[in-house]
Each structure stands twice: as structure tokens, then as C-alpha cells.
Amino acid sequence: KIKKMAENAEYVGVALVVCVSIYEILPNLPNSRKDAEAMAHNFARCRYKVFSCLDGSKKDLVAKRNEFCEYIGEHQSQRVFFFYAGHGITHGINHYMLFKEYASDDKNCSFSENFNGHLYKYSYEVEKLIKEIRKYEVNDGAERAIVIFLDCCRKKPLIYRDSEPSGVNMIQKNEPG
């Protein structure tokens, strides 16, 4: 009876799971895909509506992000989870997820003269994702919990700065392993 109720129940939240495990120049990260698949599976088991973008390009992520955000707006989702596994970089105070096409002068994502143009073309800013999610307000003054889990190594910890009341929880990994 409990299993049948769980199958018929509405989703309790929504999750977007993204990974990039294969890169054109940066070292490949085979565990990123395994981690993302495990997260997607566990979210589904916990009755989350799951959107996945596994080893896609930035264009693929933007398309999946649009579906994810539209679902949030249409269904007034109050529990929102985003998971990313892959390479990441911090530039100034901004944090970026790197996609397979990203290339730098060396395999440690160093800054080069062409860095800014290349960074914006082949990465996605974490803060931009949060703003996209927040565009869809929850009715009746309910609060939305947003959890961002970044499984990517960066030299600087991600610090989310926001003028609005938070509701955003950041979980991150700064060291390999």
C-alpha cells in the first residue's frame, strides 16, 4: 500500500543534475558521470522530478535549464536542487561550471589573454543559474529552498553573495577526491 501511494504521489521537489566527465582538453573526470547518475537515481527514488544533462554542451545545459525553470514556475516547486559534477573555476567573485569545449593554456585552467571570451562561451555562471531559478516566485508567500551542490574543484571556495533573503544553500567540494 505504501509503495502504491508513493507511485501515485506528486513530486516533492525538482532536481537538475548536470555532469561533464569528458573534456576536449582538460583532464576527463569519469567519476563525475557516475556521481551524477547516482544522484539522479536517488532523487527519483525520493520522488523528485529529475532533469538531467549528462556530458552535454553549454547549449544542452541552457535547454535543460529552461525546461527545469519552466517546471519550477508551473508547479510552484518549493524544493529545488541543482547538482553539478565536473571542472569548475572561480574568476573574481564569480563561479563557473566548465563544459567539454572549454580550453585553456594548460590543464589547470589558468588565465590567459583570451580567458574572458573563452570563459563566457564555454562555461555557465552559478550565480546566473540561481537568478534564473528565483525568477519564478512561489504563490501564497511560501518559501523556496534552493540547494546548489557543486562537485568541482576550485582554488577558491564559492561564497554566494545575495541582497535578497537567502533560501539558497551551497554545498561544495574544493579538493579532488
N, C-alpha and C. Protein backbone atom coordinates (compact mmCIF):
# COMPACT_ATOMS: atom_id res chain seq x y z
N LYS A 1 0.83 -1.20 0.00
CA LYS A 1 0.00 0.00 0.00
C LYS A 1 0.87 1.27 0.00
N ILE A 2 1.93 1.28 0.81
CA ILE A 2 2.81 2.44 0.86
C ILE A 2 3.50 2.66 -0.49
N LYS A 3 3.95 1.58 -1.11
CA LYS A 3 4.60 1.70 -2.40
C LYS A 3 3.64 2.28 -3.43
N LYS A 4 2.40 1.82 -3.44
CA LYS A 4 1.42 2.33 -4.39
C LYS A 4 1.14 3.82 -4.15
N MET A 5 1.08 4.24 -2.88
CA MET A 5 0.88 5.65 -2.57
C MET A 5 2.04 6.48 -3.10
N ALA A 6 3.28 5.99 -2.91
CA ALA A 6 4.45 6.73 -3.38
C ALA A 6 4.45 6.86 -4.90
N GLU A 7 4.01 5.82 -5.60
CA GLU A 7 3.96 5.87 -7.06
C GLU A 7 2.95 6.89 -7.54
N ASN A 8 1.86 7.06 -6.82
CA ASN A 8 0.79 7.97 -7.24
C ASN A 8 0.96 9.39 -6.71
N ALA A 9 1.83 9.57 -5.74
CA ALA A 9 2.00 10.89 -5.13
C ALA A 9 2.69 11.85 -6.10
N GLU A 10 2.41 13.13 -5.92
CA GLU A 10 3.08 14.14 -6.72
C GLU A 10 4.54 14.21 -6.31
N TYR A 11 5.31 14.86 -7.13
CA TYR A 11 6.71 15.06 -6.81
C TYR A 11 6.83 15.98 -5.59
N VAL A 12 7.84 15.73 -4.77
CA VAL A 12 8.07 16.56 -3.59
C VAL A 12 9.04 17.70 -3.88
N GLY A 13 9.67 17.65 -5.03
CA GLY A 13 10.63 18.68 -5.41
C GLY A 13 11.10 18.44 -6.83
N VAL A 14 12.06 19.25 -7.23
CA VAL A 14 12.59 19.16 -8.59
C VAL A 14 14.11 19.25 -8.51
N ALA A 15 14.78 18.47 -9.36
CA ALA A 15 16.25 18.46 -9.37
C ALA A 15 16.76 18.54 -10.81
N LEU A 16 17.81 19.31 -10.98
CA LEU A 16 18.54 19.34 -12.25
C LEU A 16 19.92 18.78 -11.95
N VAL A 17 20.26 17.69 -12.63
CA VAL A 17 21.54 17.01 -12.42
C VAL A 17 22.37 17.16 -13.69
N VAL A 18 23.56 17.74 -13.53
CA VAL A 18 24.43 18.03 -14.67
C VAL A 18 25.81 17.46 -14.39
N CYS A 19 26.39 16.87 -15.41
CA CYS A 19 27.79 16.45 -15.27
C CYS A 19 28.51 16.65 -16.59
N VAL A 20 29.79 16.89 -16.46
CA VAL A 20 30.68 16.89 -17.61
C VAL A 20 31.86 16.02 -17.20
N SER A 21 31.97 14.87 -17.82
CA SER A 21 33.06 13.95 -17.48
C SER A 21 34.08 13.83 -18.60
N ILE A 22 33.70 14.28 -19.81
CA ILE A 22 34.59 14.18 -20.96
C ILE A 22 34.87 15.59 -21.47
N TYR A 23 36.15 15.93 -21.53
CA TYR A 23 36.58 17.26 -21.97
C TYR A 23 37.48 17.12 -23.19
N GLU A 24 37.49 18.17 -24.01
CA GLU A 24 38.35 18.14 -25.20
C GLU A 24 39.81 18.34 -24.83
N ILE A 25 40.10 19.19 -23.84
CA ILE A 25 41.49 19.46 -23.46
C ILE A 25 41.74 19.18 -21.98
N LEU A 26 40.85 19.59 -21.12
CA LEU A 26 41.03 19.36 -19.68
C LEU A 26 40.99 17.86 -19.38
N PRO A 27 41.54 17.45 -18.26
CA PRO A 27 41.50 16.02 -17.91
C PRO A 27 40.06 15.53 -17.78
N ASN A 28 39.80 14.34 -18.28
CA ASN A 28 38.47 13.74 -18.14
C ASN A 28 38.22 13.37 -16.69
N LEU A 29 36.96 13.33 -16.32
CA LEU A 29 36.54 13.03 -14.94
C LEU A 29 35.50 11.91 -14.96
N PRO A 30 35.92 10.66 -15.12
CA PRO A 30 34.95 9.57 -15.27
C PRO A 30 34.01 9.41 -14.07
N ASN A 31 34.46 9.76 -12.88
CA ASN A 31 33.59 9.63 -11.72
C ASN A 31 32.47 10.66 -11.70
N SER A 32 32.63 11.75 -12.44
CA SER A 32 31.57 12.77 -12.48
C SER A 32 30.27 12.18 -13.01
N ARG A 33 30.37 11.40 -14.05
CA ARG A 33 29.16 10.80 -14.62
C ARG A 33 28.54 9.80 -13.66
N LYS A 34 29.36 8.98 -13.03
CA LYS A 34 28.86 8.00 -12.06
C LYS A 34 28.15 8.72 -10.91
N ASP A 35 28.75 9.79 -10.43
CA ASP A 35 28.14 10.55 -9.33
C ASP A 35 26.81 11.16 -9.75
N ALA A 36 26.77 11.73 -10.95
CA ALA A 36 25.54 12.36 -11.44
C ALA A 36 24.43 11.33 -11.64
N GLU A 37 24.78 10.18 -12.20
CA GLU A 37 23.78 9.13 -12.39
C GLU A 37 23.24 8.65 -11.05
N ALA A 38 24.12 8.52 -10.06
CA ALA A 38 23.68 8.10 -8.73
C ALA A 38 22.77 9.15 -8.10
N MET A 39 23.12 10.43 -8.26
CA MET A 39 22.28 11.50 -7.70
C MET A 39 20.91 11.50 -8.38
N ALA A 40 20.88 11.38 -9.70
CA ALA A 40 19.60 11.38 -10.42
C ALA A 40 18.73 10.20 -9.96
N HIS A 41 19.34 9.05 -9.82
CA HIS A 41 18.61 7.87 -9.36
C HIS A 41 18.04 8.09 -7.95
N ASN A 42 18.85 8.62 -7.06
CA ASN A 42 18.39 8.83 -5.68
C ASN A 42 17.33 9.92 -5.59
N PHE A 43 17.46 10.97 -6.39
CA PHE A 43 16.40 11.99 -6.40
C PHE A 43 15.08 11.38 -6.87
N ALA A 44 15.14 10.58 -7.91
CA ALA A 44 13.92 9.93 -8.41
C ALA A 44 13.30 9.03 -7.34
N ARG A 45 14.13 8.30 -6.64
CA ARG A 45 13.63 7.44 -5.55
C ARG A 45 12.97 8.25 -4.44
N CYS A 46 13.43 9.48 -4.26
CA CYS A 46 12.86 10.37 -3.22
C CYS A 46 11.71 11.22 -3.76
N ARG A 47 11.19 10.85 -4.94
CA ARG A 47 10.03 11.50 -5.56
C ARG A 47 10.32 12.93 -6.02
N TYR A 48 11.51 13.16 -6.52
CA TYR A 48 11.83 14.43 -7.16
C TYR A 48 11.63 14.27 -8.66
N LYS A 49 11.14 15.31 -9.30
CA LYS A 49 11.11 15.36 -10.75
C LYS A 49 12.55 15.67 -11.17
N VAL A 50 13.15 14.80 -11.98
CA VAL A 50 14.56 14.93 -12.30
C VAL A 50 14.76 15.32 -13.77
N PHE A 51 15.55 16.35 -13.96
CA PHE A 51 16.02 16.76 -15.27
C PHE A 51 17.51 16.49 -15.30
N SER A 52 18.01 15.86 -16.36
CA SER A 52 19.42 15.52 -16.43
C SER A 52 20.06 16.05 -17.70
N CYS A 53 21.30 16.47 -17.56
CA CYS A 53 22.13 16.88 -18.70
C CYS A 53 23.50 16.25 -18.46
N LEU A 54 23.70 15.07 -19.03
CA LEU A 54 24.93 14.32 -18.78
C LEU A 54 25.86 14.43 -19.98
N ASP A 55 27.04 14.97 -19.73
CA ASP A 55 28.07 15.16 -20.77
C ASP A 55 27.58 15.98 -21.95
N GLY A 56 26.79 16.97 -21.67
CA GLY A 56 26.29 17.85 -22.72
C GLY A 56 27.15 19.09 -22.87
N SER A 57 26.80 19.90 -23.82
CA SER A 57 27.47 21.17 -24.06
C SER A 57 26.75 22.26 -23.25
N LYS A 58 27.28 23.46 -23.32
CA LYS A 58 26.61 24.58 -22.66
C LYS A 58 25.22 24.78 -23.26
N LYS A 59 25.11 24.62 -24.57
CA LYS A 59 23.80 24.76 -25.25
C LYS A 59 22.81 23.74 -24.70
N ASP A 60 23.28 22.51 -24.48
CA ASP A 60 22.42 21.46 -23.91
C ASP A 60 21.96 21.85 -22.50
N LEU A 61 22.89 22.39 -21.70
CA LEU A 61 22.54 22.80 -20.34
C LEU A 61 21.49 23.91 -20.37
N VAL A 62 21.67 24.89 -21.21
CA VAL A 62 20.71 26.00 -21.27
C VAL A 62 19.33 25.49 -21.63
N ALA A 63 19.24 24.56 -22.58
CA ALA A 63 17.93 23.99 -22.95
C ALA A 63 17.33 23.24 -21.77
N LYS A 64 18.13 22.45 -21.08
CA LYS A 64 17.62 21.68 -19.92
C LYS A 64 17.27 22.62 -18.77
N ARG A 65 18.08 23.67 -18.57
CA ARG A 65 17.79 24.66 -17.54
C ARG A 65 16.45 25.33 -17.80
N ASN A 66 16.16 25.62 -19.07
CA ASN A 66 14.88 26.24 -19.41
C ASN A 66 13.71 25.33 -19.05
N GLU A 67 13.82 24.04 -19.38
CA GLU A 67 12.77 23.08 -19.00
C GLU A 67 12.60 23.03 -17.48
N PHE A 68 13.71 22.96 -16.79
CA PHE A 68 13.76 22.89 -15.32
C PHE A 68 13.07 24.12 -14.71
N CYS A 69 13.45 25.29 -15.18
CA CYS A 69 12.87 26.52 -14.62
C CYS A 69 11.39 26.67 -14.96
N GLU A 70 11.00 26.26 -16.16
CA GLU A 70 9.58 26.30 -16.51
C GLU A 70 8.78 25.37 -15.61
N TYR A 71 9.33 24.22 -15.32
CA TYR A 71 8.66 23.28 -14.41
C TYR A 71 8.52 23.91 -13.02
N ILE A 72 9.58 24.56 -12.55
CA ILE A 72 9.53 25.22 -11.24
C ILE A 72 8.39 26.22 -11.20
N GLY A 73 8.28 27.03 -12.26
CA GLY A 73 7.22 28.04 -12.31
C GLY A 73 5.83 27.44 -12.41
N GLU A 74 5.66 26.46 -13.27
CA GLU A 74 4.35 25.86 -13.49
C GLU A 74 3.86 25.09 -12.28
N HIS A 75 4.76 24.44 -11.56
CA HIS A 75 4.37 23.56 -10.45
C HIS A 75 4.64 24.16 -9.07
N GLN A 76 5.08 25.42 -9.06
CA GLN A 76 5.33 26.11 -7.79
C GLN A 76 6.24 25.28 -6.87
N SER A 77 7.27 24.72 -7.45
CA SER A 77 8.18 23.86 -6.69
C SER A 77 8.86 24.64 -5.57
N GLN A 78 8.77 24.08 -4.38
CA GLN A 78 9.37 24.73 -3.22
C GLN A 78 10.72 24.12 -2.85
N ARG A 79 10.97 22.91 -3.28
CA ARG A 79 12.26 22.25 -3.03
C ARG A 79 12.98 22.11 -4.36
N VAL A 80 14.04 22.87 -4.50
CA VAL A 80 14.77 22.92 -5.76
C VAL A 80 16.21 22.52 -5.49
N PHE A 81 16.71 21.56 -6.25
CA PHE A 81 18.06 21.06 -6.06
C PHE A 81 18.79 21.08 -7.39
N PHE A 82 20.02 21.57 -7.36
CA PHE A 82 20.88 21.55 -8.55
C PHE A 82 22.17 20.84 -8.17
N PHE A 83 22.58 19.88 -9.00
CA PHE A 83 23.82 19.15 -8.78
C PHE A 83 24.67 19.25 -10.04
N TYR A 84 25.96 19.61 -9.84
CA TYR A 84 26.91 19.67 -10.95
C TYR A 84 28.17 18.93 -10.56
N ALA A 85 28.63 18.04 -11.43
CA ALA A 85 29.91 17.36 -11.26
C ALA A 85 30.73 17.60 -12.51
N GLY A 86 31.90 18.17 -12.34
CA GLY A 86 32.79 18.46 -13.46
C GLY A 86 33.81 19.50 -13.02
N HIS A 87 34.54 20.05 -13.98
CA HIS A 87 35.52 21.08 -13.67
C HIS A 87 34.80 22.40 -13.40
N GLY A 88 35.36 23.18 -12.47
CA GLY A 88 34.84 24.50 -12.16
C GLY A 88 35.98 25.47 -12.00
N ILE A 89 35.66 26.75 -12.08
CA ILE A 89 36.68 27.78 -11.92
C ILE A 89 36.04 29.00 -11.27
N THR A 90 36.84 29.73 -10.51
CA THR A 90 36.42 31.00 -9.92
C THR A 90 37.22 32.10 -10.60
N HIS A 91 36.53 33.12 -11.07
CA HIS A 91 37.18 34.27 -11.71
C HIS A 91 36.62 35.51 -11.04
N GLY A 92 37.46 36.21 -10.29
CA GLY A 92 36.98 37.34 -9.49
C GLY A 92 36.08 36.80 -8.39
N ILE A 93 34.86 37.30 -8.33
CA ILE A 93 33.91 36.78 -7.34
C ILE A 93 32.87 35.87 -7.98
N ASN A 94 33.05 35.56 -9.27
CA ASN A 94 32.09 34.73 -9.98
C ASN A 94 32.59 33.30 -10.10
N HIS A 95 31.65 32.37 -10.13
CA HIS A 95 31.95 30.95 -10.14
C HIS A 95 31.32 30.32 -11.38
N TYR A 96 32.11 29.49 -12.06
CA TYR A 96 31.69 28.95 -13.34
C TYR A 96 31.83 27.43 -13.39
N MET A 97 30.86 26.78 -14.05
CA MET A 97 30.94 25.36 -14.37
C MET A 97 31.49 25.29 -15.79
N LEU A 98 32.49 24.44 -16.01
CA LEU A 98 33.13 24.37 -17.32
C LEU A 98 32.56 23.22 -18.15
N PHE A 99 32.38 23.46 -19.44
CA PHE A 99 31.84 22.45 -20.33
C PHE A 99 32.93 21.86 -21.21
N LYS A 100 32.59 20.77 -21.89
CA LYS A 100 33.58 19.96 -22.59
C LYS A 100 34.43 20.74 -23.58
N GLU A 101 33.89 21.80 -24.13
CA GLU A 101 34.62 22.58 -25.13
C GLU A 101 35.64 23.53 -24.51
N TYR A 102 35.57 23.70 -23.19
CA TYR A 102 36.45 24.66 -22.53
C TYR A 102 37.91 24.27 -22.75
N ALA A 103 38.73 25.23 -23.10
CA ALA A 103 40.16 25.00 -23.29
C ALA A 103 40.91 26.16 -22.66
N SER A 104 42.03 25.86 -22.06
CA SER A 104 42.88 26.92 -21.54
C SER A 104 44.30 26.60 -21.95
N ASP A 105 45.22 27.48 -21.61
CA ASP A 105 46.61 27.29 -22.00
C ASP A 105 47.25 26.08 -21.33
N ASP A 106 46.69 25.68 -20.20
CA ASP A 106 47.21 24.47 -19.55
C ASP A 106 46.06 23.72 -18.91
N LYS A 107 46.33 22.56 -18.39
CA LYS A 107 45.29 21.70 -17.85
C LYS A 107 44.84 22.12 -16.45
N ASN A 108 45.37 23.22 -15.93
CA ASN A 108 44.96 23.71 -14.61
C ASN A 108 44.06 24.92 -14.72
N CYS A 109 43.46 25.13 -15.87
CA CYS A 109 42.50 26.23 -16.07
C CYS A 109 43.12 27.58 -15.77
N SER A 110 44.33 27.82 -16.25
CA SER A 110 44.97 29.10 -15.94
C SER A 110 44.31 30.21 -16.76
N PHE A 111 44.59 31.43 -16.35
CA PHE A 111 44.05 32.59 -17.03
C PHE A 111 44.97 32.97 -18.18
N SER A 112 44.41 33.25 -19.33
CA SER A 112 45.19 33.68 -20.48
C SER A 112 44.61 34.98 -20.99
N GLU A 113 45.27 35.56 -21.99
CA GLU A 113 44.76 36.82 -22.54
C GLU A 113 43.37 36.66 -23.13
N ASN A 114 43.06 35.50 -23.67
CA ASN A 114 41.76 35.24 -24.27
C ASN A 114 40.79 34.61 -23.28
N PHE A 115 41.14 34.65 -22.02
CA PHE A 115 40.38 33.95 -20.99
C PHE A 115 38.92 34.37 -20.94
N ASN A 116 38.66 35.68 -20.83
CA ASN A 116 37.28 36.13 -20.63
C ASN A 116 36.34 35.68 -21.74
N GLY A 117 36.71 35.86 -23.00
CA GLY A 117 35.84 35.46 -24.10
C GLY A 117 35.59 33.96 -24.11
N HIS A 118 36.64 33.21 -23.89
CA HIS A 118 36.52 31.75 -23.89
C HIS A 118 35.71 31.27 -22.69
N LEU A 119 35.96 31.89 -21.54
CA LEU A 119 35.23 31.51 -20.32
C LEU A 119 33.73 31.68 -20.52
N TYR A 120 33.30 32.81 -21.01
CA TYR A 120 31.87 33.06 -21.16
C TYR A 120 31.24 32.17 -22.22
N LYS A 121 32.02 31.79 -23.22
CA LYS A 121 31.47 30.96 -24.29
C LYS A 121 31.28 29.50 -23.86
N TYR A 122 32.18 28.98 -23.02
CA TYR A 122 32.17 27.55 -22.71
C TYR A 122 32.00 27.25 -21.22
N SER A 123 31.35 28.14 -20.52
CA SER A 123 31.09 27.90 -19.11
C SER A 123 29.71 28.45 -18.77
N TYR A 124 29.27 28.17 -17.56
CA TYR A 124 27.99 28.71 -17.10
C TYR A 124 28.17 29.22 -15.68
N GLU A 125 27.75 30.43 -15.44
CA GLU A 125 27.94 31.07 -14.14
C GLU A 125 26.90 30.56 -13.13
N VAL A 126 27.37 30.14 -11.98
CA VAL A 126 26.50 29.59 -10.93
C VAL A 126 25.48 30.63 -10.48
N GLU A 127 25.92 31.85 -10.26
CA GLU A 127 25.01 32.90 -9.80
C GLU A 127 23.90 33.18 -10.81
N LYS A 128 24.20 33.04 -12.09
CA LYS A 128 23.17 33.23 -13.13
C LYS A 128 22.09 32.15 -13.01
N LEU A 129 22.49 30.93 -12.72
CA LEU A 129 21.53 29.85 -12.53
C LEU A 129 20.60 30.16 -11.36
N ILE A 130 21.16 30.64 -10.26
CA ILE A 130 20.35 30.97 -9.09
C ILE A 130 19.34 32.06 -9.43
N LYS A 131 19.77 33.07 -10.17
CA LYS A 131 18.85 34.14 -10.57
C LYS A 131 17.73 33.61 -11.46
N GLU A 132 18.06 32.68 -12.36
CA GLU A 132 17.04 32.09 -13.23
C GLU A 132 16.00 31.33 -12.41
N ILE A 133 16.44 30.58 -11.41
CA ILE A 133 15.52 29.83 -10.55
C ILE A 133 14.63 30.79 -9.78
N ARG A 134 15.20 31.87 -9.29
CA ARG A 134 14.45 32.82 -8.46
C ARG A 134 13.44 33.65 -9.24
N LYS A 135 13.54 33.67 -10.56
CA LYS A 135 12.57 34.44 -11.36
C LYS A 135 11.15 33.94 -11.14
N TYR A 136 11.02 32.67 -10.81
CA TYR A 136 9.71 32.06 -10.65
C TYR A 136 9.32 32.09 -9.18
N GLU A 137 8.43 33.00 -8.83
CA GLU A 137 8.04 33.15 -7.43
C GLU A 137 7.06 32.07 -7.01
N VAL A 138 7.07 31.81 -5.71
CA VAL A 138 6.14 30.83 -5.13
C VAL A 138 4.92 31.59 -4.66
N ASN A 139 3.74 31.06 -4.96
CA ASN A 139 2.49 31.69 -4.53
C ASN A 139 2.29 31.60 -3.03
N ASP A 140 1.37 32.37 -2.52
CA ASP A 140 0.94 32.33 -1.13
C ASP A 140 2.06 32.61 -0.14
N GLY A 141 3.10 33.32 -0.57
CA GLY A 141 4.17 33.69 0.34
C GLY A 141 5.00 32.53 0.86
N ALA A 142 4.82 31.35 0.27
CA ALA A 142 5.61 30.19 0.71
C ALA A 142 7.08 30.42 0.38
N GLU A 143 7.94 29.79 1.13
CA GLU A 143 9.36 29.92 0.88
C GLU A 143 9.85 28.79 -0.01
N ARG A 144 10.90 29.07 -0.75
CA ARG A 144 11.50 28.06 -1.62
C ARG A 144 12.90 27.77 -1.09
N ALA A 145 13.20 26.50 -0.93
CA ALA A 145 14.55 26.09 -0.54
C ALA A 145 15.30 25.72 -1.82
N ILE A 146 16.43 26.36 -2.02
CA ILE A 146 17.27 26.09 -3.19
C ILE A 146 18.60 25.54 -2.68
N VAL A 147 18.94 24.35 -3.14
CA VAL A 147 20.21 23.75 -2.75
C VAL A 147 21.05 23.59 -4.01
N ILE A 148 22.25 24.14 -3.97
CA ILE A 148 23.19 24.05 -5.07
C ILE A 148 24.36 23.19 -4.60
N PHE A 149 24.59 22.06 -5.25
CA PHE A 149 25.68 21.15 -4.86
C PHE A 149 26.67 21.13 -6.02
N LEU A 150 27.87 21.64 -5.76
CA LEU A 150 28.91 21.69 -6.79
C LEU A 150 30.00 20.71 -6.44
N ASP A 151 30.12 19.68 -7.23
CA ASP A 151 31.17 18.68 -7.06
C ASP A 151 32.25 18.99 -8.09
N CYS A 152 32.94 20.11 -7.85
CA CYS A 152 34.01 20.52 -8.75
C CYS A 152 35.09 21.22 -7.93
N CYS A 153 36.30 21.01 -8.31
CA CYS A 153 37.41 21.57 -7.55
C CYS A 153 37.74 22.96 -8.07
N ARG A 154 37.83 23.88 -7.15
CA ARG A 154 38.24 25.24 -7.45
C ARG A 154 39.27 25.64 -6.42
N LYS A 155 40.10 26.59 -6.76
CA LYS A 155 41.12 27.03 -5.81
C LYS A 155 40.52 27.91 -4.73
N LYS A 156 39.41 28.58 -5.03
CA LYS A 156 38.76 29.45 -4.06
C LYS A 156 37.39 28.86 -3.71
N PRO A 157 37.01 28.90 -2.43
CA PRO A 157 35.67 28.42 -2.09
C PRO A 157 34.61 29.35 -2.67
N LEU A 158 33.48 28.77 -3.01
CA LEU A 158 32.38 29.56 -3.55
C LEU A 158 31.66 30.24 -2.39
N ILE A 159 31.52 31.52 -2.49
CA ILE A 159 30.76 32.28 -1.49
C ILE A 159 29.64 32.97 -2.25
N TYR A 160 28.42 32.63 -1.90
CA TYR A 160 27.28 33.22 -2.60
C TYR A 160 26.89 34.50 -1.90
N ARG A 161 26.92 35.59 -2.66
CA ARG A 161 26.54 36.90 -2.13
C ARG A 161 25.22 37.31 -2.78
N ASP A 162 24.27 37.66 -1.94
CA ASP A 162 22.96 37.99 -2.47
C ASP A 162 22.32 39.05 -1.61
N SER A 163 21.64 39.98 -2.24
CA SER A 163 20.97 41.04 -1.49
C SER A 163 19.60 40.59 -0.99
N GLU A 164 19.05 39.53 -1.59
CA GLU A 164 17.74 39.03 -1.19
C GLU A 164 17.88 38.08 0.00
N PRO A 165 16.76 37.85 0.72
CA PRO A 165 16.82 36.83 1.77
C PRO A 165 17.30 35.53 1.16
N SER A 166 18.10 34.82 1.88
CA SER A 166 18.83 33.72 1.28
C SER A 166 17.94 32.62 0.73
N GLY A 167 17.66 31.57 1.48
CA GLY A 167 16.93 30.44 0.94
C GLY A 167 17.80 29.60 0.02
N VAL A 168 19.05 30.04 -0.20
CA VAL A 168 19.99 29.33 -1.06
C VAL A 168 21.05 28.68 -0.18
N ASN A 169 21.19 27.39 -0.32
CA ASN A 169 22.21 26.66 0.42
C ASN A 169 23.24 26.14 -0.57
N MET A 170 24.51 26.41 -0.30
CA MET A 170 25.58 25.98 -1.18
C MET A 170 26.34 24.84 -0.53
N ILE A 171 26.53 23.77 -1.27
CA ILE A 171 27.34 22.64 -0.83
C ILE A 171 28.41 22.50 -1.89
N GLN A 172 29.67 22.45 -1.47
CA GLN A 172 30.73 22.43 -2.46
C GLN A 172 31.90 21.59 -2.01
N LYS A 173 32.69 21.25 -2.98
CA LYS A 173 33.89 20.46 -2.74
C LYS A 173 35.04 21.25 -3.37
N ASN A 174 36.09 21.50 -2.60
CA ASN A 174 37.20 22.30 -3.11
C ASN A 174 38.45 21.48 -3.40
N GLU A 175 38.49 20.26 -2.99
CA GLU A 175 39.66 19.41 -3.18
C GLU A 175 39.28 18.17 -3.97
N PRO A 176 40.22 17.65 -4.78
CA PRO A 176 39.91 16.41 -5.51
C PRO A 176 39.70 15.24 -4.57
N GLY A 177 38.98 14.24 -5.09
CA GLY A 177 38.82 13.00 -4.32
C GLY A 177 37.40 12.71 -3.93
